[in-house]
Amino acid sequence: MSSSDEQCWYAVYVRSRFEKKIHQLFEDRGITSFLPLVDTWRQWSDRKKKVSMPLFKGYVFVRINFRKDHYTILETDGVVKFIGIRNVPSVIRDRDIEWIKILVGEPDSLRNVLPEMPAGQRVKVIAGPFVGLEGVIRKEGRDAKLVVYFDSIMQGIEVLINPEYLRSV
């Protein structure tokens, strides 16, 4: 956990499809909140529309002093729980939040990649906007993907990246 006055990032699990509403409620209350969104196309029977969807379904990130603010978060309508292990909320590293912001800022990168490395290989990005990021190559059929896994929220993101930017760890 954090010291008594320190603010840290936490992931909060919210009701299905309530992410934007909860994020706005937090912002309205002066709580620093982050909801990573990605644009995607949705098809209905009569139209096709570009919509912003949460990168992590059911998750909203908050930067709070846990001791002072956790009840305020939990009392918010639509909030289910803090994400953690054995009822202990996991602190999200500032670096992980920054990486997520970078990933969301490069929406064309969040898809398939064809690196010339074996599946399961742990790699580090050595160039481009994701320099310093580490992940694992995952292969499905002829498509390969770099998976960046964030332990603190137990979620991963598949990223498109130039294979020349990758080196084995």
N, C-alpha and C. Protein backbone atom coordinates (compact mmCIF):
# COMPACT_ATOMS: atom_id res chain seq x y z
N MET A 1 0.84 -1.18 0.00
CA MET A 1 0.00 0.00 0.00
C MET A 1 0.88 1.24 0.00
N SER A 2 0.24 2.38 0.13
CA SER A 2 0.97 3.63 0.04
C SER A 2 1.07 4.30 1.40
N SER A 3 1.94 5.31 1.49
CA SER A 3 2.05 6.06 2.73
C SER A 3 0.79 6.90 2.91
N SER A 4 0.61 7.53 4.07
CA SER A 4 -0.66 8.16 4.42
C SER A 4 -1.07 9.32 3.50
N ASP A 5 -0.12 10.06 2.91
CA ASP A 5 -0.48 11.19 2.06
C ASP A 5 -0.21 10.94 0.57
N GLU A 6 0.32 9.79 0.23
CA GLU A 6 0.69 9.52 -1.15
C GLU A 6 -0.51 9.10 -1.98
N GLN A 7 -0.59 9.65 -3.19
CA GLN A 7 -1.63 9.24 -4.13
C GLN A 7 -1.03 8.24 -5.11
N CYS A 8 -1.76 7.16 -5.33
CA CYS A 8 -1.32 6.11 -6.25
C CYS A 8 -2.47 5.77 -7.19
N TRP A 9 -2.12 5.12 -8.29
CA TRP A 9 -3.12 4.64 -9.23
C TRP A 9 -3.65 3.29 -8.79
N TYR A 10 -4.97 3.12 -8.93
CA TYR A 10 -5.63 1.85 -8.66
C TYR A 10 -6.60 1.58 -9.81
N ALA A 11 -6.86 0.31 -10.06
CA ALA A 11 -7.87 -0.07 -11.04
C ALA A 11 -9.14 -0.41 -10.29
N VAL A 12 -10.25 0.10 -10.80
CA VAL A 12 -11.55 -0.16 -10.20
C VAL A 12 -12.40 -0.93 -11.21
N TYR A 13 -13.00 -2.01 -10.75
CA TYR A 13 -13.90 -2.78 -11.60
C TYR A 13 -15.30 -2.20 -11.46
N VAL A 14 -15.94 -1.92 -12.61
CA VAL A 14 -17.26 -1.28 -12.60
C VAL A 14 -18.27 -2.15 -13.35
N ARG A 15 -19.54 -1.82 -13.18
CA ARG A 15 -20.60 -2.54 -13.88
C ARG A 15 -20.37 -2.50 -15.39
N SER A 16 -20.86 -3.51 -16.06
CA SER A 16 -20.72 -3.60 -17.51
C SER A 16 -21.32 -2.37 -18.19
N ARG A 17 -20.57 -1.80 -19.10
CA ARG A 17 -20.96 -0.63 -19.90
C ARG A 17 -21.18 0.64 -19.08
N PHE A 18 -20.62 0.69 -17.88
CA PHE A 18 -20.71 1.89 -17.04
C PHE A 18 -19.40 2.67 -17.00
N GLU A 19 -18.40 2.22 -17.75
CA GLU A 19 -17.07 2.81 -17.65
C GLU A 19 -17.08 4.33 -17.87
N LYS A 20 -17.71 4.78 -18.94
CA LYS A 20 -17.71 6.22 -19.24
C LYS A 20 -18.47 7.02 -18.19
N LYS A 21 -19.58 6.48 -17.73
CA LYS A 21 -20.37 7.17 -16.71
C LYS A 21 -19.59 7.30 -15.41
N ILE A 22 -18.95 6.21 -14.98
CA ILE A 22 -18.16 6.23 -13.73
C ILE A 22 -16.99 7.20 -13.86
N HIS A 23 -16.30 7.14 -15.00
CA HIS A 23 -15.18 8.06 -15.25
C HIS A 23 -15.65 9.51 -15.11
N GLN A 24 -16.78 9.83 -15.70
CA GLN A 24 -17.31 11.20 -15.62
C GLN A 24 -17.71 11.56 -14.19
N LEU A 25 -18.30 10.62 -13.46
CA LEU A 25 -18.66 10.87 -12.06
C LEU A 25 -17.41 11.19 -11.23
N PHE A 26 -16.35 10.42 -11.44
CA PHE A 26 -15.10 10.67 -10.72
C PHE A 26 -14.56 12.06 -11.06
N GLU A 27 -14.53 12.39 -12.33
CA GLU A 27 -14.02 13.69 -12.76
C GLU A 27 -14.86 14.82 -12.14
N ASP A 28 -16.18 14.66 -12.14
CA ASP A 28 -17.07 15.67 -11.56
C ASP A 28 -16.82 15.86 -10.07
N ARG A 29 -16.37 14.81 -9.40
CA ARG A 29 -16.08 14.87 -7.96
C ARG A 29 -14.65 15.30 -7.67
N GLY A 30 -13.89 15.60 -8.71
CA GLY A 30 -12.50 16.04 -8.51
C GLY A 30 -11.53 14.90 -8.29
N ILE A 31 -11.92 13.70 -8.60
CA ILE A 31 -11.06 12.53 -8.45
C ILE A 31 -10.33 12.31 -9.77
N THR A 32 -9.01 12.23 -9.71
CA THR A 32 -8.24 11.98 -10.93
C THR A 32 -8.56 10.59 -11.44
N SER A 33 -9.03 10.54 -12.67
CA SER A 33 -9.50 9.29 -13.25
C SER A 33 -8.95 9.15 -14.66
N PHE A 34 -8.75 7.92 -15.08
CA PHE A 34 -8.25 7.64 -16.44
C PHE A 34 -9.03 6.47 -17.01
N LEU A 35 -9.61 6.69 -18.18
CA LEU A 35 -10.34 5.65 -18.89
C LEU A 35 -9.76 5.55 -20.29
N PRO A 36 -8.90 4.55 -20.52
CA PRO A 36 -8.31 4.41 -21.87
C PRO A 36 -9.37 3.94 -22.86
N LEU A 37 -9.57 4.74 -23.91
CA LEU A 37 -10.56 4.43 -24.94
C LEU A 37 -9.88 4.21 -26.27
N VAL A 38 -10.44 3.34 -27.08
CA VAL A 38 -9.98 3.12 -28.45
C VAL A 38 -11.18 3.22 -29.38
N ASP A 39 -10.97 3.82 -30.53
CA ASP A 39 -12.03 3.93 -31.53
C ASP A 39 -12.14 2.64 -32.31
N THR A 40 -13.36 2.21 -32.53
CA THR A 40 -13.63 1.00 -33.29
C THR A 40 -14.92 1.19 -34.08
N TRP A 41 -15.06 0.43 -35.13
CA TRP A 41 -16.28 0.49 -35.95
C TRP A 41 -17.26 -0.54 -35.45
N ARG A 42 -18.52 -0.14 -35.28
CA ARG A 42 -19.60 -1.04 -34.88
C ARG A 42 -20.62 -1.10 -36.01
N GLN A 43 -21.09 -2.31 -36.28
CA GLN A 43 -22.06 -2.53 -37.36
C GLN A 43 -23.42 -2.87 -36.77
N TRP A 44 -24.43 -2.12 -37.17
CA TRP A 44 -25.81 -2.44 -36.85
C TRP A 44 -26.49 -2.84 -38.15
N SER A 45 -27.72 -3.28 -38.08
CA SER A 45 -28.41 -3.73 -39.28
C SER A 45 -28.60 -2.60 -40.29
N ASP A 46 -28.73 -1.36 -39.82
CA ASP A 46 -29.01 -0.25 -40.73
C ASP A 46 -27.85 0.74 -40.91
N ARG A 47 -26.77 0.59 -40.14
CA ARG A 47 -25.68 1.57 -40.25
C ARG A 47 -24.38 1.03 -39.64
N LYS A 48 -23.31 1.75 -39.94
CA LYS A 48 -22.00 1.45 -39.39
C LYS A 48 -21.50 2.76 -38.77
N LYS A 49 -20.95 2.67 -37.54
CA LYS A 49 -20.57 3.88 -36.82
C LYS A 49 -19.26 3.66 -36.07
N LYS A 50 -18.45 4.71 -36.01
CA LYS A 50 -17.22 4.68 -35.23
C LYS A 50 -17.56 5.08 -33.80
N VAL A 51 -17.18 4.22 -32.84
CA VAL A 51 -17.48 4.47 -31.44
C VAL A 51 -16.21 4.31 -30.60
N SER A 52 -16.17 5.01 -29.49
CA SER A 52 -15.05 4.87 -28.55
C SER A 52 -15.42 3.83 -27.51
N MET A 53 -14.57 2.81 -27.41
CA MET A 53 -14.81 1.71 -26.48
C MET A 53 -13.65 1.63 -25.47
N PRO A 54 -13.94 1.21 -24.23
CA PRO A 54 -12.85 1.05 -23.25
C PRO A 54 -11.85 -0.01 -23.71
N LEU A 55 -10.58 0.30 -23.53
CA LEU A 55 -9.53 -0.66 -23.86
C LEU A 55 -9.62 -1.88 -22.95
N PHE A 56 -9.89 -1.64 -21.67
CA PHE A 56 -10.07 -2.72 -20.70
C PHE A 56 -11.53 -2.68 -20.25
N LYS A 57 -12.33 -3.59 -20.75
CA LYS A 57 -13.76 -3.61 -20.40
C LYS A 57 -13.94 -3.77 -18.89
N GLY A 58 -14.74 -2.88 -18.32
CA GLY A 58 -15.04 -2.96 -16.89
C GLY A 58 -14.04 -2.31 -15.97
N TYR A 59 -12.99 -1.67 -16.52
CA TYR A 59 -11.96 -1.07 -15.68
C TYR A 59 -11.93 0.45 -15.85
N VAL A 60 -11.79 1.15 -14.74
CA VAL A 60 -11.51 2.59 -14.71
C VAL A 60 -10.36 2.77 -13.72
N PHE A 61 -9.41 3.61 -14.06
CA PHE A 61 -8.26 3.85 -13.19
C PHE A 61 -8.48 5.14 -12.41
N VAL A 62 -8.11 5.12 -11.12
CA VAL A 62 -8.22 6.31 -10.27
C VAL A 62 -6.90 6.54 -9.56
N ARG A 63 -6.57 7.82 -9.38
CA ARG A 63 -5.36 8.20 -8.64
C ARG A 63 -5.84 8.83 -7.33
N ILE A 64 -5.67 8.06 -6.25
CA ILE A 64 -6.21 8.49 -4.95
C ILE A 64 -5.24 8.16 -3.83
N ASN A 65 -5.51 8.76 -2.68
CA ASN A 65 -4.91 8.34 -1.43
C ASN A 65 -5.85 7.27 -0.90
N PHE A 66 -5.41 6.03 -0.91
CA PHE A 66 -6.30 4.91 -0.60
C PHE A 66 -6.96 5.05 0.76
N ARG A 67 -6.19 5.40 1.77
CA ARG A 67 -6.75 5.51 3.13
C ARG A 67 -7.87 6.54 3.21
N LYS A 68 -7.70 7.65 2.53
CA LYS A 68 -8.68 8.73 2.62
C LYS A 68 -9.86 8.56 1.66
N ASP A 69 -9.61 8.00 0.48
CA ASP A 69 -10.60 8.07 -0.58
C ASP A 69 -11.25 6.76 -1.00
N HIS A 70 -10.81 5.62 -0.46
CA HIS A 70 -11.34 4.37 -1.00
C HIS A 70 -12.84 4.19 -0.76
N TYR A 71 -13.36 4.69 0.35
CA TYR A 71 -14.81 4.56 0.58
C TYR A 71 -15.59 5.41 -0.41
N THR A 72 -15.08 6.57 -0.73
CA THR A 72 -15.74 7.43 -1.72
C THR A 72 -15.85 6.71 -3.05
N ILE A 73 -14.79 6.02 -3.43
CA ILE A 73 -14.79 5.28 -4.69
C ILE A 73 -15.80 4.14 -4.63
N LEU A 74 -15.75 3.34 -3.57
CA LEU A 74 -16.63 2.18 -3.45
C LEU A 74 -18.11 2.55 -3.32
N GLU A 75 -18.39 3.74 -2.79
CA GLU A 75 -19.77 4.18 -2.64
C GLU A 75 -20.36 4.76 -3.92
N THR A 76 -19.55 4.89 -4.95
CA THR A 76 -20.02 5.42 -6.23
C THR A 76 -20.89 4.36 -6.90
N ASP A 77 -22.10 4.77 -7.28
CA ASP A 77 -23.03 3.84 -7.93
C ASP A 77 -22.41 3.27 -9.21
N GLY A 78 -22.35 1.97 -9.29
CA GLY A 78 -21.79 1.31 -10.47
C GLY A 78 -20.41 0.73 -10.22
N VAL A 79 -19.73 1.15 -9.15
CA VAL A 79 -18.42 0.59 -8.82
C VAL A 79 -18.63 -0.73 -8.09
N VAL A 80 -17.90 -1.75 -8.53
CA VAL A 80 -18.04 -3.08 -7.93
C VAL A 80 -16.96 -3.30 -6.87
N LYS A 81 -15.68 -3.08 -7.26
CA LYS A 81 -14.58 -3.35 -6.32
C LYS A 81 -13.28 -2.80 -6.88
N PHE A 82 -12.28 -2.75 -6.03
CA PHE A 82 -10.91 -2.47 -6.46
C PHE A 82 -10.32 -3.77 -6.99
N ILE A 83 -9.47 -3.68 -8.01
CA ILE A 83 -8.79 -4.84 -8.55
C ILE A 83 -7.56 -5.12 -7.69
N GLY A 84 -7.40 -6.35 -7.28
CA GLY A 84 -6.26 -6.70 -6.46
C GLY A 84 -6.15 -8.18 -6.25
N ILE A 85 -5.33 -8.54 -5.31
CA ILE A 85 -5.10 -9.94 -4.98
C ILE A 85 -5.48 -10.17 -3.53
N ARG A 86 -6.35 -11.14 -3.30
CA ARG A 86 -6.81 -11.49 -1.95
C ARG A 86 -7.35 -10.28 -1.20
N ASN A 87 -8.21 -9.54 -1.86
CA ASN A 87 -8.87 -8.36 -1.27
C ASN A 87 -7.92 -7.22 -0.93
N VAL A 88 -6.70 -7.25 -1.46
CA VAL A 88 -5.76 -6.15 -1.28
C VAL A 88 -5.60 -5.47 -2.63
N PRO A 89 -6.08 -4.22 -2.76
CA PRO A 89 -5.99 -3.53 -4.05
C PRO A 89 -4.55 -3.41 -4.54
N SER A 90 -4.37 -3.66 -5.82
CA SER A 90 -3.04 -3.56 -6.43
C SER A 90 -2.76 -2.11 -6.82
N VAL A 91 -1.59 -1.62 -6.42
CA VAL A 91 -1.15 -0.30 -6.84
C VAL A 91 -0.64 -0.42 -8.27
N ILE A 92 -1.12 0.45 -9.14
CA ILE A 92 -0.70 0.47 -10.53
C ILE A 92 0.48 1.44 -10.64
N ARG A 93 1.57 0.96 -11.20
CA ARG A 93 2.75 1.82 -11.33
C ARG A 93 2.46 2.98 -12.29
N ASP A 94 3.01 4.16 -11.97
CA ASP A 94 2.86 5.32 -12.86
C ASP A 94 3.35 4.98 -14.26
N ARG A 95 4.42 4.20 -14.33
CA ARG A 95 4.98 3.81 -15.62
C ARG A 95 3.97 3.01 -16.45
N ASP A 96 3.21 2.13 -15.80
CA ASP A 96 2.20 1.35 -16.52
C ASP A 96 1.09 2.25 -17.07
N ILE A 97 0.66 3.22 -16.28
CA ILE A 97 -0.37 4.16 -16.76
C ILE A 97 0.18 4.94 -17.95
N GLU A 98 1.43 5.38 -17.87
CA GLU A 98 2.03 6.10 -19.00
C GLU A 98 2.11 5.22 -20.24
N TRP A 99 2.47 3.93 -20.07
CA TRP A 99 2.51 3.02 -21.22
C TRP A 99 1.13 2.85 -21.84
N ILE A 100 0.12 2.74 -21.01
CA ILE A 100 -1.25 2.59 -21.53
C ILE A 100 -1.64 3.85 -22.32
N LYS A 101 -1.28 5.02 -21.79
CA LYS A 101 -1.58 6.26 -22.51
C LYS A 101 -0.86 6.30 -23.86
N ILE A 102 0.38 5.83 -23.90
CA ILE A 102 1.12 5.79 -25.16
C ILE A 102 0.47 4.81 -26.13
N LEU A 103 0.09 3.63 -25.63
CA LEU A 103 -0.55 2.63 -26.47
C LEU A 103 -1.86 3.16 -27.06
N VAL A 104 -2.66 3.82 -26.24
CA VAL A 104 -3.93 4.38 -26.71
C VAL A 104 -3.68 5.51 -27.72
N GLY A 105 -2.57 6.22 -27.55
CA GLY A 105 -2.22 7.29 -28.47
C GLY A 105 -1.75 6.80 -29.83
N GLU A 106 -1.51 5.52 -29.96
CA GLU A 106 -1.09 4.89 -31.22
C GLU A 106 -2.12 3.83 -31.62
N PRO A 107 -3.37 4.26 -31.94
CA PRO A 107 -4.44 3.28 -32.15
C PRO A 107 -4.19 2.30 -33.29
N ASP A 108 -3.43 2.70 -34.29
CA ASP A 108 -3.15 1.79 -35.40
C ASP A 108 -2.23 0.64 -34.99
N SER A 109 -1.62 0.76 -33.84
CA SER A 109 -0.69 -0.27 -33.36
C SER A 109 -1.38 -1.38 -32.57
N LEU A 110 -2.62 -1.19 -32.22
CA LEU A 110 -3.32 -2.17 -31.39
C LEU A 110 -3.99 -3.23 -32.26
N ARG A 111 -3.16 -4.05 -32.93
CA ARG A 111 -3.66 -5.16 -33.76
C ARG A 111 -2.56 -6.13 -34.09
N ASN A 112 -2.68 -6.89 -35.17
CA ASN A 112 -1.73 -7.94 -35.52
C ASN A 112 -0.35 -7.41 -35.90
N VAL A 113 0.66 -8.25 -35.70
CA VAL A 113 2.03 -7.94 -36.11
C VAL A 113 2.67 -9.23 -36.60
N LEU A 114 3.63 -9.12 -37.47
CA LEU A 114 4.30 -10.30 -38.02
C LEU A 114 5.80 -10.27 -37.75
N PRO A 115 6.22 -10.37 -36.51
CA PRO A 115 7.66 -10.35 -36.22
C PRO A 115 8.31 -11.67 -36.59
N GLU A 116 9.59 -11.59 -36.87
CA GLU A 116 10.36 -12.81 -37.20
C GLU A 116 11.00 -13.37 -35.94
N MET A 117 10.18 -13.66 -34.96
CA MET A 117 10.66 -14.24 -33.70
C MET A 117 9.71 -15.35 -33.31
N PRO A 118 10.20 -16.36 -32.61
CA PRO A 118 9.33 -17.48 -32.24
C PRO A 118 8.27 -17.06 -31.22
N ALA A 119 7.11 -17.72 -31.26
CA ALA A 119 6.06 -17.47 -30.29
C ALA A 119 6.59 -17.78 -28.89
N GLY A 120 6.20 -16.96 -27.93
CA GLY A 120 6.65 -17.17 -26.56
C GLY A 120 7.93 -16.43 -26.23
N GLN A 121 8.58 -15.88 -27.22
CA GLN A 121 9.84 -15.14 -27.02
C GLN A 121 9.57 -13.83 -26.28
N ARG A 122 10.28 -13.58 -25.20
CA ARG A 122 10.18 -12.31 -24.47
C ARG A 122 11.05 -11.30 -25.19
N VAL A 123 10.48 -10.12 -25.47
CA VAL A 123 11.20 -9.10 -26.24
C VAL A 123 11.06 -7.74 -25.59
N LYS A 124 11.96 -6.85 -26.01
CA LYS A 124 11.94 -5.46 -25.57
C LYS A 124 11.92 -4.58 -26.80
N VAL A 125 11.15 -3.50 -26.75
CA VAL A 125 11.08 -2.56 -27.86
C VAL A 125 12.26 -1.60 -27.74
N ILE A 126 13.04 -1.48 -28.82
CA ILE A 126 14.26 -0.67 -28.78
C ILE A 126 14.15 0.62 -29.58
N ALA A 127 13.04 0.84 -30.30
CA ALA A 127 12.87 2.06 -31.08
C ALA A 127 11.38 2.35 -31.26
N GLY A 128 11.06 3.56 -31.72
CA GLY A 128 9.68 3.94 -31.96
C GLY A 128 9.00 4.46 -30.71
N PRO A 129 7.69 4.68 -30.78
CA PRO A 129 6.97 5.30 -29.66
C PRO A 129 6.88 4.42 -28.42
N PHE A 130 7.12 3.10 -28.56
CA PHE A 130 7.00 2.18 -27.43
C PHE A 130 8.35 1.78 -26.85
N VAL A 131 9.41 2.52 -27.15
CA VAL A 131 10.75 2.16 -26.70
C VAL A 131 10.76 1.90 -25.19
N GLY A 132 11.36 0.78 -24.78
CA GLY A 132 11.43 0.40 -23.37
C GLY A 132 10.35 -0.58 -22.95
N LEU A 133 9.28 -0.68 -23.71
CA LEU A 133 8.18 -1.59 -23.38
C LEU A 133 8.63 -3.03 -23.59
N GLU A 134 8.20 -3.92 -22.70
CA GLU A 134 8.53 -5.34 -22.84
C GLU A 134 7.26 -6.14 -23.00
N GLY A 135 7.37 -7.25 -23.71
CA GLY A 135 6.22 -8.11 -23.93
C GLY A 135 6.64 -9.47 -24.42
N VAL A 136 5.66 -10.26 -24.83
CA VAL A 136 5.90 -11.62 -25.31
C VAL A 136 5.26 -11.74 -26.69
N ILE A 137 5.99 -12.40 -27.62
CA ILE A 137 5.45 -12.66 -28.94
C ILE A 137 4.46 -13.81 -28.81
N ARG A 138 3.27 -13.61 -29.37
CA ARG A 138 2.25 -14.65 -29.37
C ARG A 138 1.88 -14.96 -30.81
N LYS A 139 1.75 -16.21 -31.13
CA LYS A 139 1.48 -16.59 -32.52
C LYS A 139 0.15 -17.32 -32.62
N GLU A 140 -0.65 -16.91 -33.59
CA GLU A 140 -1.91 -17.59 -33.91
C GLU A 140 -1.92 -17.81 -35.41
N GLY A 141 -1.77 -19.05 -35.86
CA GLY A 141 -1.73 -19.33 -37.29
C GLY A 141 -0.57 -18.59 -37.94
N ARG A 142 -0.86 -17.83 -38.97
CA ARG A 142 0.19 -17.07 -39.65
C ARG A 142 0.40 -15.69 -39.02
N ASP A 143 -0.50 -15.27 -38.14
CA ASP A 143 -0.39 -13.96 -37.51
C ASP A 143 0.36 -14.05 -36.18
N ALA A 144 1.23 -13.10 -35.93
CA ALA A 144 1.92 -13.03 -34.64
C ALA A 144 1.63 -11.68 -34.03
N LYS A 145 1.61 -11.63 -32.70
CA LYS A 145 1.29 -10.40 -31.99
C LYS A 145 2.23 -10.23 -30.81
N LEU A 146 2.54 -8.98 -30.50
CA LEU A 146 3.29 -8.68 -29.28
C LEU A 146 2.26 -8.42 -28.20
N VAL A 147 2.32 -9.18 -27.12
CA VAL A 147 1.38 -9.01 -26.02
C VAL A 147 2.12 -8.33 -24.87
N VAL A 148 1.59 -7.17 -24.47
CA VAL A 148 2.11 -6.45 -23.32
C VAL A 148 1.17 -6.75 -22.17
N TYR A 149 1.70 -7.36 -21.12
CA TYR A 149 0.87 -7.78 -19.99
C TYR A 149 1.16 -6.89 -18.79
N PHE A 150 0.10 -6.33 -18.20
CA PHE A 150 0.22 -5.50 -17.02
C PHE A 150 -0.20 -6.34 -15.81
N ASP A 151 0.79 -6.79 -15.04
CA ASP A 151 0.54 -7.68 -13.90
C ASP A 151 -0.43 -7.08 -12.89
N SER A 152 -0.32 -5.78 -12.65
CA SER A 152 -1.11 -5.16 -11.59
C SER A 152 -2.61 -5.19 -11.86
N ILE A 153 -3.01 -5.25 -13.13
CA ILE A 153 -4.44 -5.31 -13.43
C ILE A 153 -4.82 -6.63 -14.09
N MET A 154 -3.82 -7.51 -14.23
CA MET A 154 -4.05 -8.83 -14.80
C MET A 154 -4.71 -8.76 -16.17
N GLN A 155 -4.23 -7.84 -17.01
CA GLN A 155 -4.75 -7.64 -18.35
C GLN A 155 -3.59 -7.48 -19.33
N GLY A 156 -3.83 -7.86 -20.57
CA GLY A 156 -2.81 -7.71 -21.60
C GLY A 156 -3.37 -6.97 -22.80
N ILE A 157 -2.47 -6.41 -23.60
CA ILE A 157 -2.83 -5.69 -24.81
C ILE A 157 -1.99 -6.23 -25.95
N GLU A 158 -2.61 -6.50 -27.08
CA GLU A 158 -1.88 -6.92 -28.27
C GLU A 158 -1.51 -5.67 -29.07
N VAL A 159 -0.25 -5.60 -29.47
CA VAL A 159 0.27 -4.39 -30.11
C VAL A 159 0.90 -4.71 -31.45
N LEU A 160 0.63 -3.87 -32.44
CA LEU A 160 1.29 -3.95 -33.74
C LEU A 160 2.56 -3.12 -33.67
N ILE A 161 3.67 -3.74 -34.03
CA ILE A 161 4.94 -3.02 -33.97
C ILE A 161 5.88 -3.58 -35.03
N ASN A 162 6.71 -2.72 -35.57
CA ASN A 162 7.67 -3.13 -36.58
C ASN A 162 8.64 -4.13 -35.96
N PRO A 163 8.78 -5.33 -36.54
CA PRO A 163 9.67 -6.35 -35.97
C PRO A 163 11.12 -5.89 -35.83
N GLU A 164 11.52 -4.91 -36.64
CA GLU A 164 12.90 -4.40 -36.53
C GLU A 164 13.12 -3.66 -35.22
N TYR A 165 12.05 -3.26 -34.55
CA TYR A 165 12.13 -2.53 -33.29
C TYR A 165 12.24 -3.45 -32.08
N LEU A 166 12.24 -4.77 -32.31
CA LEU A 166 12.22 -5.73 -31.21
C LEU A 166 13.56 -6.44 -31.05
N ARG A 167 13.94 -6.67 -29.79
CA ARG A 167 15.12 -7.45 -29.46
C ARG A 167 14.77 -8.42 -28.36
N SER A 168 15.36 -9.60 -28.41
CA SER A 168 15.14 -10.61 -27.37
C SER A 168 15.65 -10.10 -26.03
N VAL A 169 14.95 -10.48 -24.98
CA VAL A 169 15.35 -10.09 -23.62
C VAL A 169 16.10 -11.24 -23.00
